[in-house]
Amino acid sequence: MPPPLPPPAPAPTAPTPAVPTTPAVPTAPTAPTAPTAPTAPTAPAVFRAPTPPHAKRALDLTGALLLLTVLAAPLLLAAGLLYVTLGARALVREPAAGLGGRPFRTWRLRTDTGPAGAAVERCGLDALPQLLNVVRGEMSLVGPRPEPRTDRPERLLVRPGMTGLWQVSDRSDLPWEEMALLDRHYVEHHWLGTDLAILARTPRAACRQRWA
């Protein structure tokens, strides 16, 4: 019996050709971002309406009620004297611009005619009825002088007052421009200590101006 034939040798495998790699396409450079223009700074407001100062209002209300209690008798006497002398109303009301430009009317004793009116004004009683405006919240004890209208808007950021910074100045002949500057200074820098200092100097300043 003939021997078995050996298995045939496997056919050689053809080598797989290498696939060429596609070269990377260079990307276009990114255009630089244009710098943003700097934002123009906002101009700060010159005047800002302050928050209603509760301490100042408490001082106004307490001081006005105390002064009305102490000066009630002289005020009634002066009003009666003017009524008998003039034969007309002793109190007059004058228009004024208040906080925020709100119109109101101030109280004042009539002093426009007769020696009785001049005497009341010389004694400093003519403006004391404005304490009623202080109690009503239309005025303050300290602030710019009440005016029917104004071309200075900063004055409308505070209540007008019975006395103020220029009223207690050592000079009684201040020019109008300097009075306006003092009013503006008060509006921008006032605080409770300023009011107390002005109130302390008011009696002396009033006597000096009326009896000079």
Protein backbone atom coordinates (compact mmCIF):
# COMPACT_ATOMS: atom_id res chain seq x y z
CA MET A 1 0.00 0.00 0.00
CA PRO A 2 1.57 3.21 -1.09
CA PRO A 3 2.23 5.90 1.57
CA PRO A 4 -0.20 8.95 1.79
CA LEU A 5 0.70 12.05 -0.10
CA PRO A 6 1.75 15.13 1.95
CA PRO A 7 -0.77 18.09 2.02
CA PRO A 8 -0.15 20.77 -0.55
CA ALA A 9 1.76 23.86 0.65
CA PRO A 10 -0.43 27.02 1.16
CA ALA A 11 -0.27 29.61 -1.56
CA PRO A 12 1.68 32.72 -0.62
CA THR A 13 -0.57 35.69 0.32
CA ALA A 14 -0.03 38.83 -1.69
CA PRO A 15 0.99 41.79 0.53
CA THR A 16 -1.70 44.50 1.01
CA PRO A 17 -0.57 47.77 -0.49
CA ALA A 18 -0.39 50.67 1.99
CA VAL A 19 -3.10 53.32 1.51
CA PRO A 20 -1.49 56.77 1.31
CA THR A 21 -2.63 59.15 4.05
CA THR A 22 -4.36 62.32 2.88
CA PRO A 23 -2.33 65.32 4.04
CA ALA A 24 -4.17 67.66 6.48
CA VAL A 25 -5.49 70.81 4.89
CA PRO A 26 -4.17 73.85 6.81
CA THR A 27 -6.94 75.99 8.25
CA ALA A 28 -7.07 79.68 7.52
CA PRO A 29 -5.85 81.84 10.41
CA THR A 30 -8.64 83.43 12.50
CA ALA A 31 -8.96 87.16 11.99
CA PRO A 32 -8.09 89.06 15.18
CA THR A 33 -11.06 90.46 17.08
CA ALA A 34 -11.35 94.19 16.78
CA PRO A 35 -10.91 95.88 20.19
CA THR A 36 -14.13 97.29 21.61
CA ALA A 37 -14.31 101.00 21.97
CA PRO A 38 -14.10 102.14 25.60
CA THR A 39 -17.41 103.18 27.06
CA ALA A 40 -17.61 106.86 27.78
CA PRO A 41 -17.89 107.43 31.53
CA THR A 42 -21.23 108.70 32.70
CA ALA A 43 -21.03 112.19 34.08
CA PRO A 44 -21.92 112.18 37.77
CA ALA A 45 -25.01 114.09 38.75
CA VAL A 46 -24.26 117.35 40.45
CA PHE A 47 -27.28 117.20 42.71
CA ARG A 48 -29.11 114.21 44.05
CA ALA A 49 -32.37 114.35 45.88
CA PRO A 50 -31.55 113.07 49.38
CA THR A 51 -33.58 110.53 51.27
CA PRO A 52 -35.95 112.38 53.60
CA PRO A 53 -33.86 112.74 56.79
CA HIS A 54 -36.00 111.55 59.66
CA ALA A 55 -33.68 113.11 62.24
CA LYS A 56 -34.02 116.52 60.58
CA ARG A 57 -37.79 116.22 60.46
CA ALA A 58 -37.86 115.22 64.13
CA LEU A 59 -35.74 118.27 64.98
CA ASP A 60 -38.03 120.53 62.95
CA LEU A 61 -41.22 119.23 64.52
CA THR A 62 -39.89 119.26 68.08
CA GLY A 63 -38.34 122.71 67.75
CA ALA A 64 -41.37 124.25 66.06
CA LEU A 65 -43.82 122.94 68.66
CA LEU A 66 -41.55 124.10 71.49
CA LEU A 67 -41.15 127.59 70.01
CA LEU A 68 -44.88 127.91 69.36
CA THR A 69 -45.57 127.02 72.98
CA VAL A 70 -43.05 129.53 74.33
CA LEU A 71 -43.90 132.34 71.89
CA ALA A 72 -47.67 131.90 71.75
CA ALA A 73 -48.35 134.89 74.01
CA PRO A 74 -46.07 137.37 72.13
CA LEU A 75 -47.46 136.21 68.79
CA LEU A 76 -51.08 136.63 69.88
CA LEU A 77 -50.28 140.06 71.33
CA ALA A 78 -48.57 141.18 68.12
CA ALA A 79 -51.41 139.87 65.97
CA GLY A 80 -53.99 141.62 68.14
CA LEU A 81 -52.05 144.89 67.99
CA LEU A 82 -51.84 144.73 64.20
CA TYR A 83 -55.52 143.90 63.86
CA VAL A 84 -56.56 146.84 66.04
CA THR A 85 -54.14 149.24 64.34
CA LEU A 86 -54.66 148.22 60.72
CA GLY A 87 -58.29 147.19 60.92
CA ALA A 88 -57.51 144.22 58.69
CA ARG A 89 -56.16 140.73 58.86
CA ALA A 90 -52.94 140.55 60.83
CA LEU A 91 -51.68 137.48 58.97
CA VAL A 92 -50.76 137.37 55.30
CA ARG A 93 -49.89 134.40 53.14
CA GLU A 94 -47.15 134.55 50.52
CA PRO A 95 -46.54 132.01 47.72
CA ALA A 96 -43.41 129.87 47.89
CA ALA A 97 -41.88 126.85 46.14
CA GLY A 98 -41.31 123.95 48.48
CA LEU A 99 -39.59 120.57 48.32
CA GLY A 100 -39.57 119.31 44.75
CA GLY A 101 -41.11 122.56 43.53
CA ARG A 102 -44.42 121.91 45.28
CA PRO A 103 -46.19 125.25 45.77
CA PHE A 104 -47.46 126.35 49.17
CA ARG A 105 -48.08 129.58 51.06
CA THR A 106 -46.06 130.84 53.99
CA TRP A 107 -47.56 132.60 57.01
CA ARG A 108 -46.29 136.01 58.06
CA LEU A 109 -47.48 138.90 60.23
CA ARG A 110 -48.44 141.98 58.21
CA THR A 111 -45.79 144.68 58.56
CA ASP A 112 -46.27 146.68 55.37
CA THR A 113 -47.97 149.72 56.91
CA GLY A 114 -47.90 151.75 60.08
CA PRO A 115 -45.55 152.03 63.03
CA ALA A 116 -47.09 148.94 64.62
CA GLY A 117 -45.96 146.81 61.70
CA ALA A 118 -42.47 148.31 61.84
CA ALA A 119 -42.28 147.56 65.58
CA VAL A 120 -43.35 143.93 65.04
CA GLU A 121 -40.74 143.51 62.33
CA ARG A 122 -38.03 145.11 64.47
CA CYS A 123 -38.81 142.72 67.29
CA GLY A 124 -38.39 139.77 64.92
CA LEU A 125 -41.96 138.52 65.31
CA ASP A 126 -43.07 138.91 61.69
CA ALA A 127 -41.68 135.58 60.42
CA LEU A 128 -42.52 133.47 63.48
CA PRO A 129 -45.91 132.33 62.09
CA GLN A 130 -43.87 130.28 59.64
CA LEU A 131 -43.49 127.83 62.51
CA LEU A 132 -46.94 126.66 61.41
CA ASN A 133 -45.47 125.82 57.99
CA VAL A 134 -42.71 123.86 59.73
CA VAL A 135 -45.26 121.84 61.71
CA ARG A 136 -47.17 121.13 58.49
CA GLY A 137 -43.99 119.81 56.84
CA GLU A 138 -43.87 122.56 54.21
CA MET A 139 -40.79 124.24 55.65
CA SER A 140 -37.80 123.42 57.84
CA LEU A 141 -36.25 125.39 60.66
CA VAL A 142 -33.04 125.60 58.57
CA GLY A 143 -32.85 125.82 54.81
CA PRO A 144 -32.77 128.21 51.86
CA ARG A 145 -35.03 131.23 52.14
CA PRO A 146 -38.52 130.55 50.69
CA GLU A 147 -39.10 132.09 47.27
CA PRO A 148 -42.14 132.00 44.98
CA ARG A 149 -39.99 130.71 42.12
CA THR A 150 -36.33 129.99 41.50
CA ASP A 151 -33.93 129.40 38.62
CA ARG A 152 -31.63 127.32 40.85
CA PRO A 153 -33.01 123.76 40.89
CA GLU A 154 -30.78 122.66 43.76
CA ARG A 155 -32.91 124.77 46.13
CA LEU A 156 -35.85 122.46 45.45
CA LEU A 157 -34.00 119.43 46.86
CA VAL A 158 -34.60 120.56 50.44
CA ARG A 159 -37.42 122.32 52.23
CA PRO A 160 -37.07 126.09 52.52
CA GLY A 161 -36.16 127.27 56.00
CA MET A 162 -36.84 130.04 58.47
CA THR A 163 -33.10 130.62 58.87
CA GLY A 164 -30.08 129.54 56.89
CA LEU A 165 -26.38 129.70 56.31
CA TRP A 166 -26.25 133.19 54.83
CA GLN A 167 -28.67 134.60 57.41
CA VAL A 168 -26.18 133.86 60.18
CA SER A 169 -23.21 135.16 58.21
CA ASP A 170 -21.12 137.85 59.87
CA ARG A 171 -22.03 140.15 56.99
CA SER A 172 -25.53 141.55 56.59
CA ASP A 173 -24.86 143.05 53.15
CA LEU A 174 -23.98 139.92 51.21
CA PRO A 175 -24.43 140.22 47.44
CA TRP A 176 -27.10 138.04 45.86
CA GLU A 177 -24.52 135.81 44.15
CA GLU A 178 -22.83 135.00 47.46
CA MET A 179 -26.18 134.22 49.08
CA ALA A 180 -26.87 131.77 46.24
CA LEU A 181 -23.48 130.09 46.77
CA LEU A 182 -24.14 129.69 50.50
CA ASP A 183 -27.57 128.18 49.80
CA ARG A 184 -25.99 125.73 47.35
CA HIS A 185 -23.29 124.82 49.86
CA TYR A 186 -25.96 124.08 52.45
CA VAL A 187 -27.94 121.87 50.05
CA GLU A 188 -24.85 119.81 49.16
CA HIS A 189 -23.29 119.47 52.62
CA HIS A 190 -25.99 119.89 55.26
CA TRP A 191 -26.43 117.46 58.13
CA LEU A 192 -27.96 117.59 61.59
CA GLY A 193 -24.89 119.19 63.16
CA THR A 194 -25.01 122.00 60.61
CA ASP A 195 -28.64 122.73 61.47
CA LEU A 196 -27.91 122.82 65.20
CA ALA A 197 -24.98 125.20 64.68
CA ILE A 198 -27.08 127.54 62.51
CA LEU A 199 -29.95 127.51 65.01
CA ALA A 200 -27.55 128.38 67.84
CA ARG A 201 -26.24 131.41 65.91
CA THR A 202 -29.63 132.64 64.66
CA PRO A 203 -30.79 134.74 67.69
CA ARG A 204 -27.56 136.73 67.81
CA ALA A 205 -27.52 137.22 64.02
CA ALA A 206 -31.17 138.34 64.00
CA CYS A 207 -30.56 140.91 66.74
CA ARG A 208 -27.46 142.21 65.00
CA GLN A 209 -29.23 142.66 61.67
CA ARG A 210 -32.41 144.23 63.06
CA TRP A 211 -30.75 146.59 65.50
CA ALA A 212 -27.67 147.49 63.49
